[in-house]
Amino acid sequence: MEYVKTRTIMTKSDQGSRWFGIDYHMNLYKGCSYGCIFCDSRSDAYHINNFDVIRTKENALEILEQELASKQYKGVVSFGTLSDPYNEEEKTYEITRGALLLIRKYGFGVSIDTKSDLIIRDIDLLKEIQENNNVIIKISIATPDDKLARVLEPNVISPTRRYAVLKLLNENNIYAGVLMMPVLPFVTDNEDNIRKSVEKAHENGAKFIYTKMGMTLRKRVREYYYEHIDKLYPGLSNDYQAVYEKNLVCNPLNYKKLLEVFIDECNKHHILCDMAEIIADYKKPIPQTQQISLF
């Protein structure tokens, strides 16, 4: 494991009310070995060099404990917005599990984004955290098609396995759902993919399914994606360049129709898909301990 120096682990969220009710952000790892050809975290914007190499932060758990102990507001801490907290190195180093133990100790809530079945290992802790605070798990599944996912996300477990993880989490009464992101123009932006995604989420007990119906192509991500998408679909990058040029956000050409299909399917299966409704459903008020000043 390669270690990088850091002064802080947790940062206060400036958009928590808009993104799953998150109060604090935290990334215990840097980089990822999944090889997803569309990953936005590869962007220059996040300043992660050698992105395919997993690193962690030096003295991460010691710093985290100090920060948790100093926070008066026991809010929801987000894991995995830039790097999956359940990557291959986590099996050995258990940094994410150590962080969850601290989250439980200090009474905070947790929000986790992952594509890994390793999260099953920590169901015991998630259940204990949920007894005193809010927990939400987002399983990232861009397509229910195992064959397609294998080339888009070469080092990730299959969507079939991810749906099984979702089902197990919900069977353990842990609030969990699906991030259907990204929706790739010319690749997964079709009604069949949308309908099957919602149906599979429903079959496996998802409390919600959320999407932004498109993808981002920042600098460095764009070049990487074009190189790899052309290996799968020769010349497809030309279509992207013709339609989107240098746009950061790339929505499907049939965006409005797909969004209508998505919302209709979610309503049909009684699955939440609106961000405000998801937050209201999982995030309940938590009594906060007030610190008493002696001065």
Protein backbone atom coordinates (compact mmCIF):
# COMPACT_ATOMS: atom_id res chain seq x y z
CA MET A 1 0.00 0.00 0.00
CA GLU A 2 1.23 3.47 -0.90
CA TYR A 3 0.47 6.19 1.65
CA VAL A 4 -0.08 9.89 0.98
CA LYS A 5 0.16 12.62 3.59
CA THR A 6 -2.96 14.50 4.61
CA ARG A 7 -4.07 16.93 7.28
CA THR A 8 -7.79 16.27 7.13
CA ILE A 9 -10.08 13.35 6.35
CA MET A 10 -13.60 14.79 6.72
CA THR A 11 -14.86 17.93 5.05
CA LYS A 12 -18.22 19.60 5.57
CA SER A 13 -20.55 19.16 2.61
CA ASP A 14 -21.71 22.36 0.92
CA GLN A 15 -24.52 20.59 -0.95
CA GLY A 16 -25.73 17.92 1.45
CA SER A 17 -29.34 19.00 1.27
CA ARG A 18 -29.21 18.44 -2.48
CA TRP A 19 -27.19 15.20 -2.64
CA PHE A 20 -28.58 12.41 -0.46
CA GLY A 21 -28.63 14.57 2.65
CA ILE A 22 -24.89 14.23 3.18
CA ASP A 23 -23.36 16.37 5.94
CA TYR A 24 -19.69 15.41 5.62
CA HIS A 25 -17.51 14.04 2.80
CA MET A 26 -14.70 11.55 3.26
CA ASN A 27 -12.47 9.57 0.89
CA LEU A 28 -10.18 7.18 2.72
CA TYR A 29 -8.61 5.93 -0.50
CA LYS A 30 -7.26 7.66 -3.60
CA GLY A 31 -7.37 6.03 -7.02
CA CYS A 32 -9.19 2.91 -8.18
CA SER A 33 -8.36 -0.33 -9.94
CA TYR A 34 -11.82 -1.03 -11.39
CA GLY A 35 -10.89 0.31 -14.81
CA CYS A 36 -14.34 1.78 -15.58
CA ILE A 37 -13.89 3.53 -18.89
CA PHE A 38 -16.32 6.36 -18.02
CA CYS A 39 -15.16 7.22 -14.48
CA ASP A 40 -15.44 10.95 -13.76
CA SER A 41 -12.99 10.64 -10.84
CA ARG A 42 -10.21 10.24 -13.41
CA SER A 43 -10.66 13.94 -14.25
CA ASP A 44 -7.94 16.54 -13.78
CA ALA A 45 -10.40 18.35 -11.51
CA TYR A 46 -9.69 15.91 -8.68
CA HIS A 47 -5.88 15.97 -8.95
CA ILE A 48 -5.42 12.20 -8.62
CA ASN A 49 -2.34 11.12 -10.56
CA ASN A 50 -1.85 7.46 -11.53
CA PHE A 51 -5.55 6.96 -10.94
CA ASP A 52 -5.44 3.18 -11.46
CA VAL A 53 -3.18 2.78 -8.42
CA ILE A 54 -4.95 2.57 -5.04
CA ARG A 55 -3.44 4.60 -2.23
CA THR A 56 -4.61 5.55 1.25
CA LYS A 57 -4.02 8.47 3.53
CA GLU A 58 -1.33 8.29 6.18
CA ASN A 59 -2.72 7.98 9.72
CA ALA A 60 -6.22 8.17 8.27
CA LEU A 61 -8.05 6.56 11.18
CA GLU A 62 -6.18 8.54 13.83
CA ILE A 63 -7.02 11.81 12.06
CA LEU A 64 -10.62 10.71 11.51
CA GLU A 65 -11.12 9.93 15.19
CA GLN A 66 -9.88 13.39 16.17
CA GLU A 67 -12.26 14.99 13.69
CA LEU A 68 -15.27 12.92 14.74
CA ALA A 69 -14.61 13.67 18.40
CA SER A 70 -14.49 17.40 17.69
CA LYS A 71 -17.74 17.62 15.72
CA GLN A 72 -20.82 18.73 17.63
CA TYR A 73 -23.27 17.83 14.86
CA LYS A 74 -23.59 14.05 14.40
CA GLY A 75 -24.51 14.09 10.72
CA VAL A 76 -24.23 11.67 7.82
CA VAL A 77 -20.68 10.98 6.61
CA SER A 78 -20.24 10.07 2.95
CA PHE A 79 -17.84 7.31 1.88
CA GLY A 80 -16.77 6.70 -1.70
CA THR A 81 -17.66 9.70 -3.85
CA LEU A 82 -14.26 9.59 -5.60
CA SER A 83 -12.90 6.13 -4.80
CA ASP A 84 -14.79 2.97 -3.85
CA PRO A 85 -14.30 2.34 -0.10
CA TYR A 86 -14.54 -1.40 -0.77
CA ASN A 87 -11.71 -1.77 -3.28
CA GLU A 88 -9.40 -4.79 -3.37
CA GLU A 89 -6.95 -3.28 -0.87
CA GLU A 90 -9.72 -2.94 1.71
CA LYS A 91 -9.79 -6.74 2.04
CA THR A 92 -6.31 -6.57 3.54
CA TYR A 93 -6.14 -3.19 5.27
CA GLU A 94 -9.73 -2.81 6.54
CA ILE A 95 -9.49 0.99 6.66
CA THR A 96 -13.15 1.39 5.74
CA ARG A 97 -14.18 -1.04 8.46
CA GLY A 98 -12.01 0.86 10.94
CA ALA A 99 -13.74 4.09 9.93
CA LEU A 100 -17.18 2.51 10.39
CA LEU A 101 -16.17 1.42 13.88
CA LEU A 102 -15.35 5.06 14.65
CA ILE A 103 -18.59 6.25 13.05
CA ARG A 104 -20.46 3.88 15.36
CA LYS A 105 -18.42 4.93 18.39
CA TYR A 106 -19.15 8.63 17.93
CA GLY A 107 -22.77 8.25 16.84
CA PHE A 108 -22.62 9.53 13.26
CA GLY A 109 -24.61 8.34 10.25
CA VAL A 110 -23.19 7.02 7.00
CA SER A 111 -23.73 7.17 3.24
CA ILE A 112 -21.80 4.69 1.09
CA ASP A 113 -21.34 4.44 -2.68
CA THR A 114 -19.93 1.11 -3.89
CA LYS A 115 -19.78 -1.48 -6.67
CA SER A 116 -18.32 -4.17 -4.43
CA ASP A 117 -19.79 -7.13 -2.57
CA LEU A 118 -17.22 -6.60 0.20
CA ILE A 119 -19.76 -4.34 1.88
CA ILE A 120 -21.52 -7.53 3.00
CA ARG A 121 -18.68 -8.00 5.48
CA ASP A 122 -19.79 -4.87 7.33
CA ILE A 123 -23.52 -5.49 7.55
CA ASP A 124 -23.13 -5.98 11.29
CA LEU A 125 -21.69 -2.48 11.73
CA LEU A 126 -24.19 -0.86 9.38
CA LYS A 127 -27.06 -2.31 11.38
CA GLU A 128 -25.57 -1.02 14.62
CA ILE A 129 -24.95 2.45 13.18
CA GLN A 130 -28.53 2.52 11.90
CA GLU A 131 -29.84 1.95 15.43
CA ASN A 132 -28.69 5.46 16.40
CA ASN A 133 -28.36 7.40 13.17
CA ASN A 134 -29.13 7.35 9.44
CA VAL A 135 -27.65 4.90 6.92
CA ILE A 136 -28.03 4.89 3.15
CA ILE A 137 -26.23 2.55 0.73
CA LYS A 138 -26.03 3.27 -3.00
CA ILE A 139 -25.07 0.35 -5.23
CA SER A 140 -23.77 1.72 -8.53
CA ILE A 141 -25.15 -0.17 -11.56
CA ALA A 142 -25.01 1.54 -14.96
CA THR A 143 -26.55 -1.39 -16.84
CA PRO A 144 -28.15 -4.70 -15.83
CA ASP A 145 -26.42 -6.39 -18.79
CA ASP A 146 -23.55 -8.52 -17.43
CA LYS A 147 -21.85 -8.83 -20.81
CA LEU A 148 -21.88 -5.10 -21.50
CA ALA A 149 -20.82 -4.25 -17.95
CA ARG A 150 -17.81 -6.55 -18.29
CA VAL A 151 -16.31 -4.31 -20.99
CA LEU A 152 -17.40 -0.99 -19.50
CA GLU A 153 -16.26 -1.89 -15.95
CA PRO A 154 -13.68 -4.65 -16.50
CA ASN A 155 -12.62 -5.21 -12.89
CA VAL A 156 -16.01 -4.90 -11.17
CA ILE A 157 -18.29 -7.72 -10.06
CA SER A 158 -21.22 -8.36 -12.39
CA PRO A 159 -24.49 -6.42 -12.16
CA THR A 160 -26.16 -9.72 -11.26
CA ARG A 161 -23.91 -9.98 -8.21
CA ARG A 162 -24.47 -6.34 -7.32
CA TYR A 163 -28.24 -6.85 -7.38
CA ALA A 164 -27.74 -9.80 -5.02
CA VAL A 165 -25.82 -7.50 -2.65
CA LEU A 166 -28.66 -4.99 -2.84
CA LYS A 167 -31.16 -7.71 -1.96
CA LEU A 168 -29.12 -8.88 1.02
CA LEU A 169 -28.77 -5.34 2.37
CA ASN A 170 -32.50 -4.80 2.17
CA GLU A 171 -33.22 -8.18 3.74
CA ASN A 172 -31.16 -6.92 6.67
CA ASN A 173 -33.31 -3.78 6.83
CA ILE A 174 -30.47 -1.53 5.69
CA TYR A 175 -31.73 1.32 3.56
CA ALA A 176 -30.28 0.66 0.10
CA GLY A 177 -30.93 1.43 -3.55
CA VAL A 178 -29.32 1.91 -6.95
CA LEU A 179 -27.31 4.66 -8.59
CA MET A 180 -28.08 4.23 -12.31
CA MET A 181 -25.16 6.38 -13.36
CA PRO A 182 -23.87 7.17 -15.85
CA VAL A 183 -26.30 6.69 -18.73
CA LEU A 184 -23.95 6.56 -21.71
CA PRO A 185 -25.09 8.20 -24.96
CA PHE A 186 -25.23 5.73 -27.86
CA VAL A 187 -24.49 2.81 -25.49
CA THR A 188 -26.94 2.48 -22.57
CA ASP A 189 -29.37 5.27 -23.48
CA ASN A 190 -32.22 3.06 -24.63
CA GLU A 191 -35.62 2.24 -23.19
CA ASP A 192 -34.83 -1.43 -22.75
CA ASN A 193 -31.85 -0.67 -20.51
CA ILE A 194 -33.90 1.79 -18.45
CA ARG A 195 -36.86 -0.55 -17.99
CA LYS A 196 -34.69 -3.53 -17.06
CA SER A 197 -32.66 -1.43 -14.63
CA VAL A 198 -35.76 -0.35 -12.73
CA GLU A 199 -37.28 -3.84 -12.87
CA LYS A 200 -34.12 -5.46 -11.47
CA ALA A 201 -33.91 -2.84 -8.72
CA HIS A 202 -37.52 -3.58 -7.80
CA GLU A 203 -36.97 -7.36 -7.80
CA ASN A 204 -34.12 -6.96 -5.33
CA GLY A 205 -35.87 -4.70 -2.87
CA ALA A 206 -34.40 -1.31 -3.78
CA LYS A 207 -35.83 1.55 -1.80
CA PHE A 208 -34.82 3.97 -4.54
CA ILE A 209 -33.10 4.29 -7.90
CA TYR A 210 -31.49 7.57 -8.86
CA THR A 211 -30.10 8.78 -12.16
CA LYS A 212 -28.98 11.96 -13.87
CA MET A 213 -29.60 10.47 -17.34
CA GLY A 214 -26.27 11.27 -18.96
CA MET A 215 -22.53 11.43 -18.34
CA THR A 216 -19.78 13.97 -17.77
CA LEU A 217 -16.71 14.21 -19.99
CA ARG A 218 -14.12 16.40 -18.31
CA LYS A 219 -10.54 16.80 -19.43
CA ARG A 220 -8.61 13.52 -19.23
CA VAL A 221 -11.85 11.56 -18.80
CA ARG A 222 -12.86 12.46 -22.34
CA GLU A 223 -9.60 11.25 -23.88
CA TYR A 224 -9.61 8.04 -21.86
CA TYR A 225 -13.24 7.30 -22.65
CA TYR A 226 -12.89 7.95 -26.38
CA GLU A 227 -9.85 5.68 -26.59
CA HIS A 228 -11.65 2.80 -24.92
CA ILE A 229 -15.12 3.26 -26.41
CA ASP A 230 -13.57 3.11 -29.89
CA LYS A 231 -12.11 -0.30 -29.04
CA LEU A 232 -15.62 -1.53 -28.26
CA TYR A 233 -17.47 0.40 -30.96
CA PRO A 234 -14.99 1.55 -33.64
CA GLY A 235 -15.51 5.18 -34.60
CA LEU A 236 -18.11 5.94 -31.93
CA SER A 237 -15.98 8.76 -30.53
CA ASN A 238 -16.62 10.63 -33.79
CA ASP A 239 -20.34 10.64 -32.98
CA TYR A 240 -19.63 12.00 -29.51
CA GLN A 241 -17.45 14.77 -30.88
CA ALA A 242 -20.00 15.69 -33.54
CA VAL A 243 -22.87 15.93 -31.05
CA TYR A 244 -21.22 17.14 -27.85
CA GLU A 245 -17.99 18.81 -29.00
CA LYS A 246 -16.28 19.87 -25.72
CA ASN A 247 -19.40 19.83 -23.54
CA LEU A 248 -18.88 18.84 -19.92
CA VAL A 249 -22.36 17.31 -19.56
CA CYS A 250 -23.47 14.90 -22.28
CA ASN A 251 -27.16 14.04 -22.12
CA PRO A 252 -28.70 11.43 -24.46
CA LEU A 253 -30.35 12.82 -27.57
CA ASN A 254 -33.62 11.22 -26.40
CA TYR A 255 -33.17 12.58 -22.88
CA LYS A 256 -36.76 13.71 -22.29
CA LYS A 257 -38.29 10.47 -23.52
CA LEU A 258 -35.92 8.31 -21.46
CA LEU A 259 -36.57 10.38 -18.34
CA GLU A 260 -40.32 9.93 -18.83
CA VAL A 261 -39.86 6.17 -19.21
CA PHE A 262 -37.65 6.07 -16.11
CA ILE A 263 -40.11 7.99 -13.92
CA ASP A 264 -43.08 5.95 -15.20
CA GLU A 265 -41.26 2.68 -14.43
CA CYS A 266 -40.29 3.83 -10.96
CA ASN A 267 -43.85 4.89 -10.21
CA LYS A 268 -45.16 1.59 -11.52
CA HIS A 269 -42.85 -0.35 -9.21
CA HIS A 270 -43.28 2.09 -6.27
CA ILE A 271 -39.59 2.97 -6.15
CA LEU A 272 -38.48 6.46 -5.16
CA CYS A 273 -36.49 8.34 -7.80
CA ASP A 274 -36.74 11.98 -6.69
CA MET A 275 -33.79 13.20 -4.63
CA ALA A 276 -35.86 15.18 -2.13
CA GLU A 277 -38.19 12.23 -1.57
CA ILE A 278 -35.27 9.82 -1.08
CA ILE A 279 -33.70 12.10 1.53
CA ALA A 280 -36.99 12.55 3.36
CA ASP A 281 -37.58 8.80 3.35
CA TYR A 282 -34.27 7.69 4.85
CA LYS A 283 -32.99 10.66 6.83
CA LYS A 284 -34.77 11.11 10.12
CA PRO A 285 -33.99 13.81 12.71
CA ILE A 286 -31.32 12.68 15.16
CA PRO A 287 -31.13 14.16 18.68
CA GLN A 288 -27.88 16.09 18.99
CA THR A 289 -25.83 16.20 22.18
CA GLN A 290 -25.14 19.77 23.19
CA GLN A 291 -21.69 20.63 24.48
CA ILE A 292 -21.69 22.63 27.71
CA SER A 293 -19.30 25.57 27.84
CA LEU A 294 -17.57 26.31 31.16
CA PHE A 295 -16.78 29.88 30.13
